C-alpha atoms as a PDB file:
ATOM      1  CA  MET A   1      10.671  -1.249  -9.774  1.00  0.00           C
ATOM      2  CA  ARG A   2      12.792  -3.082 -12.304  1.00  0.00           C
ATOM      3  CA  ARG A   3      14.193  -5.454  -9.606  1.00  0.00           C
ATOM      4  CA  ALA A   4      10.716  -6.619  -8.652  1.00  0.00           C
ATOM      5  CA  VAL A   5       9.990  -7.556 -12.187  1.00  0.00           C
ATOM      6  CA  LEU A   6      13.149  -9.468 -12.687  1.00  0.00           C
ATOM      7  CA  LYS A   7      12.648 -11.476  -9.581  1.00  0.00           C
ATOM      8  CA  LEU A   8       9.296 -12.924 -10.625  1.00  0.00           C
ATOM      9  CA  LYS A   9       9.152 -16.217 -12.631  1.00  0.00           C
ATOM     10  CA  GLU A  10       6.208 -14.770 -14.588  1.00  0.00           C
ATOM     11  CA  PRO A  11       6.143 -10.889 -15.041  1.00  0.00           C
ATOM     12  CA  ASN A  12       3.090  -9.015 -13.820  1.00  0.00           C
ATOM     13  CA  PRO A  13       1.570  -7.152 -16.745  1.00  0.00           C
ATOM     14  CA  LEU A  14       0.368  -4.225 -14.548  1.00  0.00           C
ATOM     15  CA  ASN A  15       3.972  -3.808 -13.376  1.00  0.00           C
ATOM     16  CA  LEU A  16       5.351  -3.813 -17.008  1.00  0.00           C
ATOM     17  CA  PHE A  17       2.637  -1.248 -18.082  1.00  0.00           C
ATOM     18  CA  GLY A  18       2.873   0.983 -15.069  1.00  0.00           C
ATOM     19  CA  LEU A  19      -0.622   0.346 -14.181  1.00  0.00           C
ATOM     20  CA  ARG A  20      -0.264  -1.106 -10.663  1.00  0.00           C
ATOM     21  CA  ARG A  21      -0.049   1.913  -8.399  1.00  0.00           C
ATOM     22  CA  LEU A  22      -2.976   4.349  -8.735  1.00  0.00           C
ATOM     23  CA  ASP A  23      -3.180   7.909  -7.798  1.00  0.00           C
ATOM     24  CA  LEU A  24      -6.841   7.914  -6.632  1.00  0.00           C
ATOM     25  CA  ALA A  25      -8.887   5.106  -5.069  1.00  0.00           C
ATOM     26  CA  PRO A  26     -11.892   3.928  -7.037  1.00  0.00           C
ATOM     27  CA  PRO A  27     -15.000   3.174  -4.941  1.00  0.00           C
ATOM     28  CA  HIS A  28     -14.590  -0.532  -5.005  1.00  0.00           C
ATOM     29  CA  PHE A  29     -11.007  -0.587  -3.270  1.00  0.00           C
ATOM     30  CA  GLU A  30     -10.710  -1.879   0.153  1.00  0.00           C
ATOM     31  CA  CYS A  31      -8.633   0.734   2.191  1.00  0.00           C
ATOM     32  CA  ILE A  32      -6.753   0.894   5.603  1.00  0.00           C
ATOM     33  CA  THR A  33      -5.496   4.073   7.353  1.00  0.00           C
ATOM     34  CA  ILE A  34      -2.447   4.066   9.405  1.00  0.00           C
ATOM     35  CA  PRO A  35      -0.469   6.669  11.256  1.00  0.00           C
ATOM     36  CA  LEU A  36       2.594   7.905   9.604  1.00  0.00           C
ATOM     37  CA  SER A  37       5.320   7.982  12.145  1.00  0.00           C
ATOM     38  CA  TYR A  38       8.192   7.395   9.789  1.00  0.00           C
ATOM     39  CA  ASN A  39       9.035   7.674   6.235  1.00  0.00           C
ATOM     40  CA  LEU A  40       7.387   4.394   5.450  1.00  0.00           C
ATOM     41  CA  GLU A  41       5.927   5.184   2.012  1.00  0.00           C
ATOM     42  CA  GLN A  42       8.928   3.680  -0.166  1.00  0.00           C
ATOM     43  CA  SER A  43       9.440   0.604   2.153  1.00  0.00           C
ATOM     44  CA  ILE A  44       5.712  -0.193   2.130  1.00  0.00           C
ATOM     45  CA  GLU A  45       5.512   0.378  -1.538  1.00  0.00           C
ATOM     46  CA  ARG A  46       8.374  -2.141  -2.193  1.00  0.00           C
ATOM     47  CA  TRP A  47       6.783  -4.716   0.027  1.00  0.00           C
ATOM     48  CA  ILE A  48       3.609  -4.583  -1.768  1.00  0.00           C
ATOM     49  CA  ILE A  49       5.189  -4.894  -5.167  1.00  0.00           C
ATOM     50  CA  LYS A  50       7.275  -7.741  -4.163  1.00  0.00           C
ATOM     51  CA  ASN A  51       4.644  -9.733  -2.338  1.00  0.00           C
ATOM     52  CA  LEU A  52       1.302  -8.829  -3.821  1.00  0.00           C
ATOM     53  CA  LYS A  53      -0.023  -8.932  -7.444  1.00  0.00           C
ATOM     54  CA  GLY A  54      -3.068  -6.675  -7.644  1.00  0.00           C
ATOM     55  CA  ARG A  55      -3.607  -3.001  -8.130  1.00  0.00           C
ATOM     56  CA  PHE A  56      -3.154  -0.612  -5.177  1.00  0.00           C
ATOM     57  CA  PHE A  57      -3.160   3.045  -4.230  1.00  0.00           C
ATOM     58  CA  MET A  58      -1.179   5.057  -1.492  1.00  0.00           C
ATOM     59  CA  VAL A  59      -1.769   8.614  -0.365  1.00  0.00           C
ATOM     60  CA  LYS A  60      -0.834  10.706   2.654  1.00  0.00           C
ATOM     61  CA  THR A  61      -3.714  12.520   4.353  1.00  0.00           C
ATOM     62  CA  THR A  62      -4.660  14.227   7.513  1.00  0.00           C
ATOM     63  CA  GLY A  63      -7.095  13.120  10.151  1.00  0.00           C
ATOM     64  CA  VAL A  64      -8.303  13.728  13.819  1.00  0.00           C
ATOM     65  CA  ASP A  65      -7.674  10.999  16.393  1.00  0.00           C
ATOM     66  CA  LYS A  66      -9.707  10.526  19.635  1.00  0.00           C
ATOM     67  CA  SER A  67      -7.814  13.067  21.542  1.00  0.00           C
ATOM     68  CA  ASP A  68      -8.740  15.739  18.943  1.00  0.00           C
ATOM     69  CA  THR A  69      -5.213  16.134  17.550  1.00  0.00           C
ATOM     70  CA  ILE A  70      -4.460  16.421  13.883  1.00  0.00           C
ATOM     71  CA  ASN A  71      -2.152  13.596  12.595  1.00  0.00           C
ATOM     72  CA  VAL A  72      -0.527  12.725   9.317  1.00  0.00           C
ATOM     73  CA  LEU A  73      -2.168   9.382   8.125  1.00  0.00           C
ATOM     74  CA  PHE A  74      -1.199   6.988   5.404  1.00  0.00           C
ATOM     75  CA  LYS A  75      -4.186   5.715   3.446  1.00  0.00           C
ATOM     76  CA  ILE A  76      -3.560   2.319   1.454  1.00  0.00           C
ATOM     77  CA  GLY A  77      -6.143   0.640  -0.782  1.00  0.00           C
ATOM     78  CA  PHE A  78      -6.070  -2.567  -2.577  1.00  0.00           C
ATOM     79  CA  GLU A  79      -8.463  -3.864  -5.409  1.00  0.00           C
ATOM     80  CA  ASP A  80      -8.760  -7.313  -3.786  1.00  0.00           C
ATOM     81  CA  ARG A  81      -9.749  -7.469  -0.274  1.00  0.00           C
ATOM     82  CA  ARG A  82      -7.666 -10.714   0.299  1.00  0.00           C
ATOM     83  CA  GLU A  83      -4.718  -8.561  -0.521  1.00  0.00           C
ATOM     84  CA  LEU A  84      -5.742  -6.092   2.182  1.00  0.00           C
ATOM     85  CA  SER A  85      -5.825  -8.986   4.645  1.00  0.00           C
ATOM     86  CA  LEU A  86      -2.437 -10.343   3.668  1.00  0.00           C
ATOM     87  CA  PHE A  87      -1.047  -6.914   3.920  1.00  0.00           C
ATOM     88  CA  THR A  88      -2.205  -6.134   7.381  1.00  0.00           C
ATOM     89  CA  LEU A  89      -1.112  -9.511   8.524  1.00  0.00           C
ATOM     90  CA  GLY A  90       2.140  -9.931   6.813  1.00  0.00           C
ATOM     91  CA  CYS A  91       3.749  -6.363   6.261  1.00  0.00           C
ATOM     92  CA  PRO A  92       6.494  -6.145   8.878  1.00  0.00           C
ATOM     93  CA  HIS A  93       6.473  -2.331   8.597  1.00  0.00           C
ATOM     94  CA  LEU A  94       3.111  -2.287  10.187  1.00  0.00           C
ATOM     95  CA  LYS A  95       4.403  -3.624  13.385  1.00  0.00           C
ATOM     96  CA  TYR A  96       6.544  -0.709  14.343  1.00  0.00           C
ATOM     97  CA  LYS A  97       4.762   2.455  15.677  1.00  0.00           C
END
């Protein structure tokens, strides 16, 4: 986390005070749920910290798909819906299944 702060020209106050990643999603957060096929949690978190500026949350959960099988899912939410769009379009980790 220190490296992300040092690369920025202007430090993000949310990173400096440890308020950027939340444990629970407030109701106004925009969320996406993706299947968890690899250990992507750390690499996705690094990508978010490096490329986005707002608050976010990440949590592992379970869900049932169309074929009635239980899968481990990864729920990611952002305070700003524009960051959710940028994440879904720009994160290279979402392209691999």
